[in-house]
Amino acid sequence: MESKPYYAVIFTSTRTGGDNGYSEMALEMENLAKDQPGYLGMESAREEIGITISYWESLEAIGAWKRHTDHLVAQKKGIRDWYSKYHVRICRVEREYVFSK
């Protein structure tokens, strides 16, 4: 990750049934996010709930991504077709610890 502090956007969600184009859009959004100024990385997991954490240099970078035209389309489709519930948290990362063998 970048030098601290940086920001984490934590997106947790519960999906509706069926794919309905979700997988394709998720991959498209991941690739598009990587090209955005201030993007630092992403981690995600999905079982009963989905958790995606994206990392950003600044609140301004997060705001620009939220307002990106293609991302706005994906957000609307998410509300209409893919999610029965979601929750977004934006956190400032002051420090981190890593363990690796």
C-alpha atoms as a PDB file:
ATOM      1  CA  MET A   1       0.000   0.000   0.000  1.00  0.00           C
ATOM      2  CA  GLU A   2       0.951   3.653  -0.181  1.00  0.00           C
ATOM      3  CA  SER A   3       2.395   5.707   2.622  1.00  0.00           C
ATOM      4  CA  LYS A   4      -0.044   6.352   5.427  1.00  0.00           C
ATOM      5  CA  PRO A   5      -2.563   7.735   5.913  1.00  0.00           C
ATOM      6  CA  TYR A   6      -4.771   6.621   3.035  1.00  0.00           C
ATOM      7  CA  TYR A   7      -8.450   5.704   2.736  1.00  0.00           C
ATOM      8  CA  ALA A   8     -10.426   2.471   2.517  1.00  0.00           C
ATOM      9  CA  VAL A   9     -13.916   2.239   1.047  1.00  0.00           C
ATOM     10  CA  ILE A  10     -15.612  -0.831   2.510  1.00  0.00           C
ATOM     11  CA  PHE A  11     -18.592  -2.002   0.459  1.00  0.00           C
ATOM     12  CA  THR A  12     -20.612  -4.858   1.958  1.00  0.00           C
ATOM     13  CA  SER A  13     -23.592  -6.243   0.071  1.00  0.00           C
ATOM     14  CA  THR A  14     -26.269  -8.889  -0.113  1.00  0.00           C
ATOM     15  CA  ARG A  15     -27.089  -9.960  -3.661  1.00  0.00           C
ATOM     16  CA  THR A  16     -30.386 -10.726  -5.323  1.00  0.00           C
ATOM     17  CA  GLY A  17     -30.768 -14.060  -7.153  1.00  0.00           C
ATOM     18  CA  GLY A  18     -29.083 -14.728 -10.489  1.00  0.00           C
ATOM     19  CA  ASP A  19     -26.138 -13.043 -12.143  1.00  0.00           C
ATOM     20  CA  ASN A  20     -28.044 -10.684 -14.468  1.00  0.00           C
ATOM     21  CA  GLY A  21     -24.785  -9.295 -15.904  1.00  0.00           C
ATOM     22  CA  TYR A  22     -23.231  -8.673 -12.469  1.00  0.00           C
ATOM     23  CA  SER A  23     -19.974 -10.601 -13.021  1.00  0.00           C
ATOM     24  CA  GLU A  24     -19.208  -8.801 -16.265  1.00  0.00           C
ATOM     25  CA  MET A  25     -19.931  -5.376 -14.769  1.00  0.00           C
ATOM     26  CA  ALA A  26     -17.898  -6.132 -11.623  1.00  0.00           C
ATOM     27  CA  LEU A  27     -14.855  -6.988 -13.732  1.00  0.00           C
ATOM     28  CA  GLU A  28     -15.375  -3.892 -15.882  1.00  0.00           C
ATOM     29  CA  MET A  29     -15.589  -1.662 -12.776  1.00  0.00           C
ATOM     30  CA  GLU A  30     -12.489  -3.252 -11.241  1.00  0.00           C
ATOM     31  CA  ASN A  31     -10.492  -2.590 -14.415  1.00  0.00           C
ATOM     32  CA  LEU A  32     -11.841   0.959 -14.701  1.00  0.00           C
ATOM     33  CA  ALA A  33     -11.079   1.745 -11.036  1.00  0.00           C
ATOM     34  CA  LYS A  34      -7.444   0.714 -11.572  1.00  0.00           C
ATOM     35  CA  ASP A  35      -7.073   3.548 -14.096  1.00  0.00           C
ATOM     36  CA  GLN A  36      -8.446   6.249 -11.764  1.00  0.00           C
ATOM     37  CA  PRO A  37      -6.129   8.834 -10.200  1.00  0.00           C
ATOM     38  CA  GLY A  38      -5.555   8.046  -6.542  1.00  0.00           C
ATOM     39  CA  TYR A  39      -6.499   4.338  -6.774  1.00  0.00           C
ATOM     40  CA  LEU A  40      -4.221   2.134  -4.648  1.00  0.00           C
ATOM     41  CA  GLY A  41      -5.748  -1.354  -4.776  1.00  0.00           C
ATOM     42  CA  MET A  42      -8.676  -3.632  -4.021  1.00  0.00           C
ATOM     43  CA  GLU A  43      -9.562  -6.805  -2.108  1.00  0.00           C
ATOM     44  CA  SER A  44     -12.851  -8.692  -2.252  1.00  0.00           C
ATOM     45  CA  ALA A  45     -14.627 -11.829  -1.087  1.00  0.00           C
ATOM     46  CA  ARG A  46     -18.147 -13.164  -1.584  1.00  0.00           C
ATOM     47  CA  GLU A  47     -20.090 -15.846   0.209  1.00  0.00           C
ATOM     48  CA  GLU A  48     -23.347 -15.047   1.986  1.00  0.00           C
ATOM     49  CA  ILE A  49     -22.385 -11.395   1.886  1.00  0.00           C
ATOM     50  CA  GLY A  50     -19.942  -9.672  -0.420  1.00  0.00           C
ATOM     51  CA  ILE A  51     -17.136  -7.498   0.882  1.00  0.00           C
ATOM     52  CA  THR A  52     -15.094  -5.298  -1.417  1.00  0.00           C
ATOM     53  CA  ILE A  53     -12.504  -2.915  -0.023  1.00  0.00           C
ATOM     54  CA  SER A  54     -10.911  -0.384  -2.331  1.00  0.00           C
ATOM     55  CA  TYR A  55      -7.990   1.782  -1.264  1.00  0.00           C
ATOM     56  CA  TRP A  56      -7.498   5.424  -2.263  1.00  0.00           C
ATOM     57  CA  GLU A  57      -4.997   8.241  -1.723  1.00  0.00           C
ATOM     58  CA  SER A  58      -7.618  10.837  -0.783  1.00  0.00           C
ATOM     59  CA  LEU A  59     -11.275  11.639  -0.178  1.00  0.00           C
ATOM     60  CA  GLU A  60     -11.190  13.633  -3.423  1.00  0.00           C
ATOM     61  CA  ALA A  61     -10.127  10.514  -5.375  1.00  0.00           C
ATOM     62  CA  ILE A  62     -12.985   8.554  -3.767  1.00  0.00           C
ATOM     63  CA  GLY A  63     -15.457  11.287  -4.686  1.00  0.00           C
ATOM     64  CA  ALA A  64     -14.250  11.387  -8.284  1.00  0.00           C
ATOM     65  CA  TRP A  65     -14.670   7.595  -8.571  1.00  0.00           C
ATOM     66  CA  LYS A  66     -18.175   7.753  -7.086  1.00  0.00           C
ATOM     67  CA  ARG A  67     -19.114  10.374  -9.704  1.00  0.00           C
ATOM     68  CA  HIS A  68     -17.452   8.617 -12.676  1.00  0.00           C
ATOM     69  CA  THR A  69     -20.055   8.246 -15.448  1.00  0.00           C
ATOM     70  CA  ASP A  70     -19.615   4.484 -15.955  1.00  0.00           C
ATOM     71  CA  HIS A  71     -19.550   3.881 -12.214  1.00  0.00           C
ATOM     72  CA  LEU A  72     -22.825   5.823 -11.862  1.00  0.00           C
ATOM     73  CA  VAL A  73     -24.416   3.460 -14.398  1.00  0.00           C
ATOM     74  CA  ALA A  74     -23.170   0.447 -12.419  1.00  0.00           C
ATOM     75  CA  GLN A  75     -24.493   1.939  -9.162  1.00  0.00           C
ATOM     76  CA  LYS A  76     -27.980   2.386 -10.647  1.00  0.00           C
ATOM     77  CA  LYS A  77     -27.987  -1.177 -11.998  1.00  0.00           C
ATOM     78  CA  GLY A  78     -26.846  -2.416  -8.605  1.00  0.00           C
ATOM     79  CA  ILE A  79     -29.812  -0.791  -6.879  1.00  0.00           C
ATOM     80  CA  ARG A  80     -32.222  -1.948  -9.575  1.00  0.00           C
ATOM     81  CA  ASP A  81     -30.933  -5.476 -10.327  1.00  0.00           C
ATOM     82  CA  TRP A  82     -28.135  -6.852  -8.153  1.00  0.00           C
ATOM     83  CA  TYR A  83     -28.380  -5.870  -4.494  1.00  0.00           C
ATOM     84  CA  SER A  84     -31.079  -6.424  -1.924  1.00  0.00           C
ATOM     85  CA  LYS A  85     -28.939  -4.453   0.538  1.00  0.00           C
ATOM     86  CA  TYR A  86     -25.577  -2.721   0.698  1.00  0.00           C
ATOM     87  CA  HIS A  87     -23.562  -0.615   3.120  1.00  0.00           C
ATOM     88  CA  VAL A  88     -20.632   1.700   2.343  1.00  0.00           C
ATOM     89  CA  ARG A  89     -18.085   2.819   4.913  1.00  0.00           C
ATOM     90  CA  ILE A  90     -15.207   5.204   4.237  1.00  0.00           C
ATOM     91  CA  CYS A  91     -12.311   4.930   6.664  1.00  0.00           C
ATOM     92  CA  ARG A  92      -8.982   6.650   7.077  1.00  0.00           C
ATOM     93  CA  VAL A  93      -6.153   4.130   7.510  1.00  0.00           C
ATOM     94  CA  GLU A  94      -3.662   5.455  10.043  1.00  0.00           C
ATOM     95  CA  ARG A  95      -1.488   2.345  10.281  1.00  0.00           C
ATOM     96  CA  GLU A  96      -1.413  -1.259   9.178  1.00  0.00           C
ATOM     97  CA  TYR A  97       0.281  -4.497  10.121  1.00  0.00           C
ATOM     98  CA  VAL A  98       1.243  -7.289   7.757  1.00  0.00           C
ATOM     99  CA  PHE A  99       2.286 -10.901   8.386  1.00  0.00           C
ATOM    100  CA  SER A 100       3.552 -13.174   5.635  1.00  0.00           C
ATOM    101  CA  LYS A 101       5.542 -16.403   5.693  1.00  0.00           C
END
